[in-house]
């Protein structure tokens, strides 16, 4: 029996990039994956839809449920959770992956973009957590080792992380604050709540927002997927409230050679990610 056989994970975003890589890694271990994302129709500027993601998940041995969901919309999120429970009967993990990015200073940040980042990053994370909570409590009560994993950076109240893009930093740290608070709130229930963040920049579509990043600066999403798998298979009652970095997680799992994760083999010029 595979390690995550019959486990169900609700993943926000996930039609591409790190989210899809995590979905496929969990699917390889037998998990059911719910892709809750907005992209249902192909976009020439962005690869992947919820349906193409579902096909890739099925191809590696998992079951996928693609749901077109705007995670800012309360009714849509609760309806999605009901559909998941109707199909699979349980939710054993929530992965808050969806995020909006805009690395602009204050004069260059339209309020529409400000609202999008706070809507997706903060409201979306909080709403998905709230909607999945009863199912995660049931998962804990039946010994199914429930986890919430949020892709958010370690909290660091240093001005240098805020000044270049105040709006984005506040929105991203809002996700981190959900981790901090929910880990303690849900500890008595046996639900783990952790954050995961990459040590180096990862090759995703979001890199288009960061000027000057070259392929030799990047790792592939596989390193985040392997780290997420390690976290989600750990004991939820023993591992909660952590702000993990992908490298640290894999080192603790006995992995010391990270060269295979480099986008350009043998690259010696990897770039640290934001907030590190």
C-alpha atoms as a PDB file:
ATOM      1  CA  UNK A   1       0.000   0.000   0.000  1.00  0.00           C
ATOM      2  CA  UNK A   2       1.343   3.421  -0.954  1.00  0.00           C
ATOM      3  CA  UNK A   3       2.095   5.938   1.814  1.00  0.00           C
ATOM      4  CA  UNK A   4      -0.808   8.281   1.031  1.00  0.00           C
ATOM      5  CA  UNK A   5      -3.298   5.754  -0.319  1.00  0.00           C
ATOM      6  CA  UNK A   6      -6.878   7.040   0.163  1.00  0.00           C
ATOM      7  CA  UNK A   7      -5.690  10.373   1.621  1.00  0.00           C
ATOM      8  CA  UNK A   8      -7.332  13.465   0.119  1.00  0.00           C
ATOM      9  CA  UNK A   9      -5.621  16.848  -0.260  1.00  0.00           C
ATOM     10  CA  UNK A  10      -7.356  20.111  -1.151  1.00  0.00           C
ATOM     11  CA  UNK A  11      -4.901  22.242  -3.132  1.00  0.00           C
ATOM     12  CA  UNK A  12      -5.562  25.890  -3.970  1.00  0.00           C
ATOM     13  CA  UNK A  13      -4.025  26.878  -7.282  1.00  0.00           C
ATOM     14  CA  UNK A  14      -2.142  23.908  -8.632  1.00  0.00           C
ATOM     15  CA  UNK A  15      -2.741  24.082 -12.353  1.00  0.00           C
ATOM     16  CA  UNK A  16       0.964  24.808 -12.879  1.00  0.00           C
ATOM     17  CA  UNK A  17       4.296  25.400 -11.152  1.00  0.00           C
ATOM     18  CA  UNK A  18       5.018  24.446  -7.561  1.00  0.00           C
ATOM     19  CA  UNK A  19       1.415  23.536  -6.814  1.00  0.00           C
ATOM     20  CA  UNK A  20       1.232  21.053  -9.676  1.00  0.00           C
ATOM     21  CA  UNK A  21       4.599  19.567  -8.713  1.00  0.00           C
ATOM     22  CA  UNK A  22       3.365  19.012  -5.150  1.00  0.00           C
ATOM     23  CA  UNK A  23       0.117  17.512  -6.441  1.00  0.00           C
ATOM     24  CA  UNK A  24       1.955  15.021  -8.626  1.00  0.00           C
ATOM     25  CA  UNK A  25       4.364  14.060  -5.834  1.00  0.00           C
ATOM     26  CA  UNK A  26       1.470  13.290  -3.496  1.00  0.00           C
ATOM     27  CA  UNK A  27      -0.385  11.475  -6.274  1.00  0.00           C
ATOM     28  CA  UNK A  28       2.616   9.197  -6.804  1.00  0.00           C
ATOM     29  CA  UNK A  29       2.114   8.085  -3.209  1.00  0.00           C
ATOM     30  CA  UNK A  30      -1.542   7.298  -3.875  1.00  0.00           C
ATOM     31  CA  UNK A  31      -3.277  10.509  -2.800  1.00  0.00           C
ATOM     32  CA  UNK A  32      -6.499  11.985  -4.124  1.00  0.00           C
ATOM     33  CA  UNK A  33      -5.858  15.571  -5.226  1.00  0.00           C
ATOM     34  CA  UNK A  34      -8.402  18.359  -5.472  1.00  0.00           C
ATOM     35  CA  UNK A  35      -7.239  21.113  -7.821  1.00  0.00           C
ATOM     36  CA  UNK A  36      -9.172  24.208  -6.746  1.00  0.00           C
ATOM     37  CA  UNK A  37      -8.095  26.928  -9.159  1.00  0.00           C
ATOM     38  CA  UNK A  38      -9.504  29.478 -11.590  1.00  0.00           C
ATOM     39  CA  UNK A  39      -7.894  28.429 -14.866  1.00  0.00           C
ATOM     40  CA  UNK A  40     -10.325  26.235 -16.787  1.00  0.00           C
ATOM     41  CA  UNK A  41      -9.497  27.477 -20.287  1.00  0.00           C
ATOM     42  CA  UNK A  42      -6.007  27.516 -21.852  1.00  0.00           C
ATOM     43  CA  UNK A  43      -4.192  30.844 -21.613  1.00  0.00           C
ATOM     44  CA  UNK A  44      -1.494  31.620 -24.185  1.00  0.00           C
ATOM     45  CA  UNK A  45       0.494  33.487 -21.511  1.00  0.00           C
ATOM     46  CA  UNK A  46       0.306  30.794 -18.820  1.00  0.00           C
ATOM     47  CA  UNK A  47       0.620  27.021 -19.189  1.00  0.00           C
ATOM     48  CA  UNK A  48      -1.843  24.621 -17.623  1.00  0.00           C
ATOM     49  CA  UNK A  49      -5.495  24.399 -16.602  1.00  0.00           C
ATOM     50  CA  UNK A  50      -7.280  22.496 -13.858  1.00  0.00           C
ATOM     51  CA  UNK A  51      -8.059  19.815 -16.442  1.00  0.00           C
ATOM     52  CA  UNK A  52      -4.526  19.406 -17.788  1.00  0.00           C
ATOM     53  CA  UNK A  53      -3.319  19.244 -14.177  1.00  0.00           C
ATOM     54  CA  UNK A  54      -5.854  16.500 -13.453  1.00  0.00           C
ATOM     55  CA  UNK A  55      -4.573  14.530 -16.436  1.00  0.00           C
ATOM     56  CA  UNK A  56      -0.982  14.804 -15.193  1.00  0.00           C
ATOM     57  CA  UNK A  57      -2.038  13.719 -11.703  1.00  0.00           C
ATOM     58  CA  UNK A  58      -3.898  10.696 -13.067  1.00  0.00           C
ATOM     59  CA  UNK A  59      -0.881   9.791 -15.183  1.00  0.00           C
ATOM     60  CA  UNK A  60       1.290   9.317 -12.088  1.00  0.00           C
ATOM     61  CA  UNK A  61      -1.245   7.188 -10.259  1.00  0.00           C
ATOM     62  CA  UNK A  62      -3.474   9.525  -8.284  1.00  0.00           C
ATOM     63  CA  UNK A  63      -7.137  10.457  -8.484  1.00  0.00           C
ATOM     64  CA  UNK A  64      -7.847  14.093  -9.333  1.00  0.00           C
ATOM     65  CA  UNK A  65     -10.911  16.260  -8.899  1.00  0.00           C
ATOM     66  CA  UNK A  66     -10.563  19.503 -10.901  1.00  0.00           C
ATOM     67  CA  UNK A  67     -12.790  22.277  -9.568  1.00  0.00           C
ATOM     68  CA  UNK A  68     -12.970  25.785 -10.983  1.00  0.00           C
ATOM     69  CA  UNK A  69     -12.885  27.909  -7.837  1.00  0.00           C
ATOM     70  CA  UNK A  70     -12.179  31.538  -7.045  1.00  0.00           C
ATOM     71  CA  UNK A  71     -10.793  31.098  -3.535  1.00  0.00           C
ATOM     72  CA  UNK A  72     -11.827  34.660  -2.685  1.00  0.00           C
ATOM     73  CA  UNK A  73     -15.483  33.656  -3.023  1.00  0.00           C
ATOM     74  CA  UNK A  74     -16.961  32.162   0.150  1.00  0.00           C
ATOM     75  CA  UNK A  75     -19.829  30.349  -1.565  1.00  0.00           C
ATOM     76  CA  UNK A  76     -17.534  28.796  -4.191  1.00  0.00           C
ATOM     77  CA  UNK A  77     -15.053  27.526  -1.613  1.00  0.00           C
ATOM     78  CA  UNK A  78     -17.698  25.981   0.629  1.00  0.00           C
ATOM     79  CA  UNK A  79     -19.390  24.418  -2.388  1.00  0.00           C
ATOM     80  CA  UNK A  80     -16.040  22.967  -3.489  1.00  0.00           C
ATOM     81  CA  UNK A  81     -15.450  21.436  -0.057  1.00  0.00           C
ATOM     82  CA  UNK A  82     -18.921  19.859  -0.177  1.00  0.00           C
ATOM     83  CA  UNK A  83     -18.141  18.351  -3.592  1.00  0.00           C
ATOM     84  CA  UNK A  84     -14.855  16.915  -2.278  1.00  0.00           C
ATOM     85  CA  UNK A  85     -16.591  15.301   0.680  1.00  0.00           C
ATOM     86  CA  UNK A  86     -19.279  13.969  -1.638  1.00  0.00           C
ATOM     87  CA  UNK A  87     -16.701  12.300  -3.871  1.00  0.00           C
ATOM     88  CA  UNK A  88     -13.959  11.179  -1.479  1.00  0.00           C
ATOM     89  CA  UNK A  89     -15.661  11.316   1.935  1.00  0.00           C
ATOM     90  CA  UNK A  90     -12.840  13.109   3.749  1.00  0.00           C
ATOM     91  CA  UNK A  91     -10.176  15.798   3.548  1.00  0.00           C
ATOM     92  CA  UNK A  92      -6.838  14.997   5.160  1.00  0.00           C
ATOM     93  CA  UNK A  93      -4.812  17.980   4.084  1.00  0.00           C
ATOM     94  CA  UNK A  94      -5.085  21.531   2.818  1.00  0.00           C
ATOM     95  CA  UNK A  95      -2.285  23.066   0.766  1.00  0.00           C
ATOM     96  CA  UNK A  96      -2.577  26.843   0.542  1.00  0.00           C
ATOM     97  CA  UNK A  97      -0.594  27.294  -2.645  1.00  0.00           C
ATOM     98  CA  UNK A  98      -2.530  29.963  -4.573  1.00  0.00           C
ATOM     99  CA  UNK A  99      -0.910  33.383  -4.413  1.00  0.00           C
ATOM    100  CA  UNK A 100      -0.884  36.659  -6.339  1.00  0.00           C
ATOM    101  CA  UNK A 101       2.338  38.617  -6.749  1.00  0.00           C
ATOM    102  CA  UNK A 102       3.129  42.184  -7.756  1.00  0.00           C
ATOM    103  CA  UNK A 103       6.584  43.470  -6.827  1.00  0.00           C
ATOM    104  CA  UNK A 104       5.846  47.170  -7.176  1.00  0.00           C
ATOM    105  CA  UNK A 105       6.367  50.226  -5.017  1.00  0.00           C
ATOM    106  CA  UNK A 106       3.459  52.181  -3.601  1.00  0.00           C
ATOM    107  CA  UNK A 107       2.924  54.636  -6.502  1.00  0.00           C
ATOM    108  CA  UNK A 108       3.047  51.740  -8.977  1.00  0.00           C
ATOM    109  CA  UNK A 109       0.546  49.482  -7.199  1.00  0.00           C
ATOM    110  CA  UNK A 110      -3.026  50.029  -8.408  1.00  0.00           C
ATOM    111  CA  UNK A 111      -5.594  49.403  -5.679  1.00  0.00           C
ATOM    112  CA  UNK A 112      -7.140  46.729  -7.902  1.00  0.00           C
ATOM    113  CA  UNK A 113      -3.851  44.813  -7.681  1.00  0.00           C
ATOM    114  CA  UNK A 114      -3.616  45.493  -3.939  1.00  0.00           C
ATOM    115  CA  UNK A 115      -7.089  44.025  -3.484  1.00  0.00           C
ATOM    116  CA  UNK A 116      -6.215  41.001  -5.631  1.00  0.00           C
ATOM    117  CA  UNK A 117      -3.147  40.170  -3.530  1.00  0.00           C
ATOM    118  CA  UNK A 118      -5.017  40.531  -0.247  1.00  0.00           C
ATOM    119  CA  UNK A 119      -8.018  38.680  -1.654  1.00  0.00           C
ATOM    120  CA  UNK A 120      -6.066  35.663  -2.896  1.00  0.00           C
ATOM    121  CA  UNK A 121      -3.196  35.513  -0.422  1.00  0.00           C
ATOM    122  CA  UNK A 122      -4.834  36.458   2.870  1.00  0.00           C
ATOM    123  CA  UNK A 123      -8.573  36.013   2.408  1.00  0.00           C
ATOM    124  CA  UNK A 124      -8.125  32.917   0.229  1.00  0.00           C
ATOM    125  CA  UNK A 125      -5.814  31.209   2.702  1.00  0.00           C
ATOM    126  CA  UNK A 126      -8.055  32.044   5.653  1.00  0.00           C
ATOM    127  CA  UNK A 127     -11.239  31.047   3.823  1.00  0.00           C
ATOM    128  CA  UNK A 128      -9.921  27.706   2.573  1.00  0.00           C
ATOM    129  CA  UNK A 129      -8.688  26.946   6.078  1.00  0.00           C
ATOM    130  CA  UNK A 130     -12.039  27.830   7.616  1.00  0.00           C
ATOM    131  CA  UNK A 131     -13.995  25.803   5.052  1.00  0.00           C
ATOM    132  CA  UNK A 132     -11.790  22.704   5.364  1.00  0.00           C
ATOM    133  CA  UNK A 133     -11.520  22.827   9.146  1.00  0.00           C
ATOM    134  CA  UNK A 134     -14.491  20.579  10.075  1.00  0.00           C
ATOM    135  CA  UNK A 135     -13.268  17.883   7.689  1.00  0.00           C
ATOM    136  CA  UNK A 136      -9.716  18.191   9.014  1.00  0.00           C
ATOM    137  CA  UNK A 137     -11.023  17.856  12.576  1.00  0.00           C
ATOM    138  CA  UNK A 138     -12.826  14.689  11.525  1.00  0.00           C
ATOM    139  CA  UNK A 139      -9.619  13.461   9.899  1.00  0.00           C
ATOM    140  CA  UNK A 140      -7.781  14.010  13.177  1.00  0.00           C
ATOM    141  CA  UNK A 141     -10.492  12.265  15.178  1.00  0.00           C
ATOM    142  CA  UNK A 142     -10.151   9.177  12.985  1.00  0.00           C
ATOM    143  CA  UNK A 143      -6.346   9.113  13.108  1.00  0.00           C
ATOM    144  CA  UNK A 144      -5.706  10.219   9.513  1.00  0.00           C
ATOM    145  CA  UNK A 145      -2.877  12.674  10.332  1.00  0.00           C
ATOM    146  CA  UNK A 146      -4.266  15.953   8.941  1.00  0.00           C
ATOM    147  CA  UNK A 147      -1.996  18.783   7.815  1.00  0.00           C
ATOM    148  CA  UNK A 148      -2.350  22.341   6.581  1.00  0.00           C
ATOM    149  CA  UNK A 149       0.663  23.433   4.542  1.00  0.00           C
ATOM    150  CA  UNK A 150       0.923  27.043   3.373  1.00  0.00           C
ATOM    151  CA  UNK A 151       3.478  28.316   0.890  1.00  0.00           C
ATOM    152  CA  UNK A 152       4.568  31.359   2.843  1.00  0.00           C
ATOM    153  CA  UNK A 153       7.861  32.850   4.056  1.00  0.00           C
ATOM    154  CA  UNK A 154       9.245  33.028   7.585  1.00  0.00           C
ATOM    155  CA  UNK A 155       8.014  36.172   9.323  1.00  0.00           C
ATOM    156  CA  UNK A 156      10.703  38.855   9.565  1.00  0.00           C
ATOM    157  CA  UNK A 157       9.721  42.379  10.540  1.00  0.00           C
ATOM    158  CA  UNK A 158      12.648  44.056   8.828  1.00  0.00           C
ATOM    159  CA  UNK A 159      12.028  47.169   6.762  1.00  0.00           C
ATOM    160  CA  UNK A 160      14.157  45.864   3.886  1.00  0.00           C
ATOM    161  CA  UNK A 161      11.548  43.213   3.093  1.00  0.00           C
ATOM    162  CA  UNK A 162       8.720  45.762   3.035  1.00  0.00           C
ATOM    163  CA  UNK A 163      10.110  48.898   1.423  1.00  0.00           C
ATOM    164  CA  UNK A 164      10.457  47.674  -2.206  1.00  0.00           C
ATOM    165  CA  UNK A 165       6.909  46.202  -2.351  1.00  0.00           C
ATOM    166  CA  UNK A 166       4.894  47.012   0.757  1.00  0.00           C
ATOM    167  CA  UNK A 167       1.606  45.633  -0.581  1.00  0.00           C
ATOM    168  CA  UNK A 168       2.985  42.253  -1.655  1.00  0.00           C
ATOM    169  CA  UNK A 169       4.978  41.791   1.545  1.00  0.00           C
ATOM    170  CA  UNK A 170       1.949  42.533   3.709  1.00  0.00           C
ATOM    171  CA  UNK A 171      -0.179  40.121   1.679  1.00  0.00           C
ATOM    172  CA  UNK A 172       2.419  37.346   1.756  1.00  0.00           C
ATOM    173  CA  UNK A 173       3.122  37.818   5.452  1.00  0.00           C
ATOM    174  CA  UNK A 174      -0.638  37.648   5.975  1.00  0.00           C
ATOM    175  CA  UNK A 175      -0.391  34.031   4.874  1.00  0.00           C
ATOM    176  CA  UNK A 176       2.501  33.540   7.297  1.00  0.00           C
ATOM    177  CA  UNK A 177       0.451  35.007  10.144  1.00  0.00           C
ATOM    178  CA  UNK A 178      -2.318  32.518   9.377  1.00  0.00           C
ATOM    179  CA  UNK A 179       0.259  29.769   9.893  1.00  0.00           C
ATOM    180  CA  UNK A 180       1.439  31.271  13.174  1.00  0.00           C
ATOM    181  CA  UNK A 181      -2.043  31.677  14.597  1.00  0.00           C
ATOM    182  CA  UNK A 182      -3.750  28.598  13.221  1.00  0.00           C
ATOM    183  CA  UNK A 183      -0.923  26.299  14.321  1.00  0.00           C
ATOM    184  CA  UNK A 184      -1.598  27.237  17.917  1.00  0.00           C
ATOM    185  CA  UNK A 185      -5.375  27.376  17.522  1.00  0.00           C
ATOM    186  CA  UNK A 186      -5.587  23.925  15.961  1.00  0.00           C
ATOM    187  CA  UNK A 187      -2.876  22.255  18.057  1.00  0.00           C
ATOM    188  CA  UNK A 188      -5.431  20.797  20.507  1.00  0.00           C
ATOM    189  CA  UNK A 189      -7.243  19.183  17.572  1.00  0.00           C
ATOM    190  CA  UNK A 190      -4.127  17.388  16.317  1.00  0.00           C
ATOM    191  CA  UNK A 191      -4.050  19.322  13.028  1.00  0.00           C
ATOM    192  CA  UNK A 192      -0.571  20.355  11.932  1.00  0.00           C
ATOM    193  CA  UNK A 193      -0.162  23.822  10.417  1.00  0.00           C
ATOM    194  CA  UNK A 194       3.173  24.634   8.802  1.00  0.00           C
ATOM    195  CA  UNK A 195       4.708  26.942   6.202  1.00  0.00           C
ATOM    196  CA  UNK A 196       7.088  25.983   3.411  1.00  0.00           C
ATOM    197  CA  UNK A 197       9.311  28.375   1.460  1.00  0.00           C
ATOM    198  CA  UNK A 198      12.133  27.792  -1.031  1.00  0.00           C
ATOM    199  CA  UNK A 199      15.726  28.609  -0.147  1.00  0.00           C
ATOM    200  CA  UNK A 200      16.383  29.613  -3.763  1.00  0.00           C
ATOM    201  CA  UNK A 201      14.202  30.984  -6.531  1.00  0.00           C
ATOM    202  CA  UNK A 202      12.151  28.307  -8.271  1.00  0.00           C
ATOM    203  CA  UNK A 203      11.512  28.185 -12.003  1.00  0.00           C
ATOM    204  CA  UNK A 204       7.816  29.107 -12.284  1.00  0.00           C
ATOM    205  CA  UNK A 205       5.635  31.515 -14.218  1.00  0.00           C
ATOM    206  CA  UNK A 206       5.847  33.905 -11.250  1.00  0.00           C
ATOM    207  CA  UNK A 207       9.505  34.507 -12.107  1.00  0.00           C
ATOM    208  CA  UNK A 208       8.307  36.804 -14.858  1.00  0.00           C
ATOM    209  CA  UNK A 209       7.610  39.261 -12.038  1.00  0.00           C
ATOM    210  CA  UNK A 210      11.217  39.259 -10.820  1.00  0.00           C
ATOM    211  CA  UNK A 211      13.651  41.080 -13.142  1.00  0.00           C
ATOM    212  CA  UNK A 212      17.118  39.727 -13.735  1.00  0.00           C
ATOM    213  CA  UNK A 213      16.479  36.085 -12.815  1.00  0.00           C
ATOM    214  CA  UNK A 214      18.238  33.701 -15.197  1.00  0.00           C
ATOM    215  CA  UNK A 215      17.813  29.917 -15.569  1.00  0.00           C
ATOM    216  CA  UNK A 216      21.137  29.277 -13.799  1.00  0.00           C
ATOM    217  CA  UNK A 217      19.745  31.065 -10.722  1.00  0.00           C
ATOM    218  CA  UNK A 218      16.844  28.618 -10.323  1.00  0.00           C
ATOM    219  CA  UNK A 219      15.906  25.237  -9.018  1.00  0.00           C
ATOM    220  CA  UNK A 220      13.004  23.176 -10.339  1.00  0.00           C
ATOM    221  CA  UNK A 221       9.690  22.867  -8.467  1.00  0.00           C
ATOM    222  CA  UNK A 222      10.637  19.258  -7.632  1.00  0.00           C
ATOM    223  CA  UNK A 223      12.569  20.363  -4.544  1.00  0.00           C
ATOM    224  CA  UNK A 224       9.458  21.979  -3.090  1.00  0.00           C
ATOM    225  CA  UNK A 225       7.384  18.932  -3.982  1.00  0.00           C
ATOM    226  CA  UNK A 226       9.769  16.567  -2.196  1.00  0.00           C
ATOM    227  CA  UNK A 227       9.898  18.840   0.846  1.00  0.00           C
ATOM    228  CA  UNK A 228       6.110  19.117   0.953  1.00  0.00           C
ATOM    229  CA  UNK A 229       5.803  15.327   0.818  1.00  0.00           C
ATOM    230  CA  UNK A 230       8.195  14.992   3.761  1.00  0.00           C
ATOM    231  CA  UNK A 231       6.183  17.483   5.814  1.00  0.00           C
ATOM    232  CA  UNK A 232       2.787  16.003   4.961  1.00  0.00           C
ATOM    233  CA  UNK A 233       3.893  12.491   5.903  1.00  0.00           C
ATOM    234  CA  UNK A 234       5.269  13.603   9.286  1.00  0.00           C
ATOM    235  CA  UNK A 235       3.337  13.157  12.546  1.00  0.00           C
ATOM    236  CA  UNK A 236       0.858  16.037  12.692  1.00  0.00           C
ATOM    237  CA  UNK A 237       0.872  16.114  16.473  1.00  0.00           C
ATOM    238  CA  UNK A 238       4.655  16.398  16.647  1.00  0.00           C
ATOM    239  CA  UNK A 239       5.407  18.745  13.741  1.00  0.00           C
ATOM    240  CA  UNK A 240       3.371  21.947  13.755  1.00  0.00           C
ATOM    241  CA  UNK A 241       3.967  25.692  13.866  1.00  0.00           C
ATOM    242  CA  UNK A 242       7.121  25.564  11.757  1.00  0.00           C
ATOM    243  CA  UNK A 243       8.347  27.872   9.009  1.00  0.00           C
ATOM    244  CA  UNK A 244      10.236  25.323   6.958  1.00  0.00           C
ATOM    245  CA  UNK A 245      12.721  25.939   4.150  1.00  0.00           C
ATOM    246  CA  UNK A 246      12.846  23.247   1.480  1.00  0.00           C
ATOM    247  CA  UNK A 247      16.568  22.538   1.954  1.00  0.00           C
ATOM    248  CA  UNK A 248      16.236  22.161   5.722  1.00  0.00           C
ATOM    249  CA  UNK A 249      13.368  19.698   5.374  1.00  0.00           C
ATOM    250  CA  UNK A 250      15.276  17.516   2.930  1.00  0.00           C
ATOM    251  CA  UNK A 251      18.496  17.642   4.942  1.00  0.00           C
ATOM    252  CA  UNK A 252      16.525  16.383   7.952  1.00  0.00           C
ATOM    253  CA  UNK A 253      15.276  13.563   5.722  1.00  0.00           C
ATOM    254  CA  UNK A 254      18.874  12.599   4.912  1.00  0.00           C
ATOM    255  CA  UNK A 255      19.274  14.296   1.525  1.00  0.00           C
ATOM    256  CA  UNK A 256      22.571  16.151   1.148  1.00  0.00           C
ATOM    257  CA  UNK A 257      23.010  16.441  -2.619  1.00  0.00           C
ATOM    258  CA  UNK A 258      20.723  19.084  -4.127  1.00  0.00           C
ATOM    259  CA  UNK A 259      22.462  19.328  -7.489  1.00  0.00           C
ATOM    260  CA  UNK A 260      19.729  17.365  -9.226  1.00  0.00           C
ATOM    261  CA  UNK A 261      17.230  20.110  -8.443  1.00  0.00           C
ATOM    262  CA  UNK A 262      19.132  22.814 -10.336  1.00  0.00           C
ATOM    263  CA  UNK A 263      17.440  23.984 -13.516  1.00  0.00           C
ATOM    264  CA  UNK A 264      20.880  24.276 -15.097  1.00  0.00           C
ATOM    265  CA  UNK A 265      22.941  21.223 -14.088  1.00  0.00           C
ATOM    266  CA  UNK A 266      26.030  22.141 -12.114  1.00  0.00           C
ATOM    267  CA  UNK A 267      24.998  25.777 -11.600  1.00  0.00           C
ATOM    268  CA  UNK A 268      26.944  27.551  -8.871  1.00  0.00           C
ATOM    269  CA  UNK A 269      24.949  30.789  -9.017  1.00  0.00           C
ATOM    270  CA  UNK A 270      21.634  29.945  -7.366  1.00  0.00           C
ATOM    271  CA  UNK A 271      19.744  33.017  -6.152  1.00  0.00           C
ATOM    272  CA  UNK A 272      18.147  33.213  -2.696  1.00  0.00           C
ATOM    273  CA  UNK A 273      14.402  33.668  -2.764  1.00  0.00           C
ATOM    274  CA  UNK A 274      12.617  36.735  -1.400  1.00  0.00           C
ATOM    275  CA  UNK A 275      12.422  37.224   2.373  1.00  0.00           C
ATOM    276  CA  UNK A 276      15.588  35.206   3.105  1.00  0.00           C
END
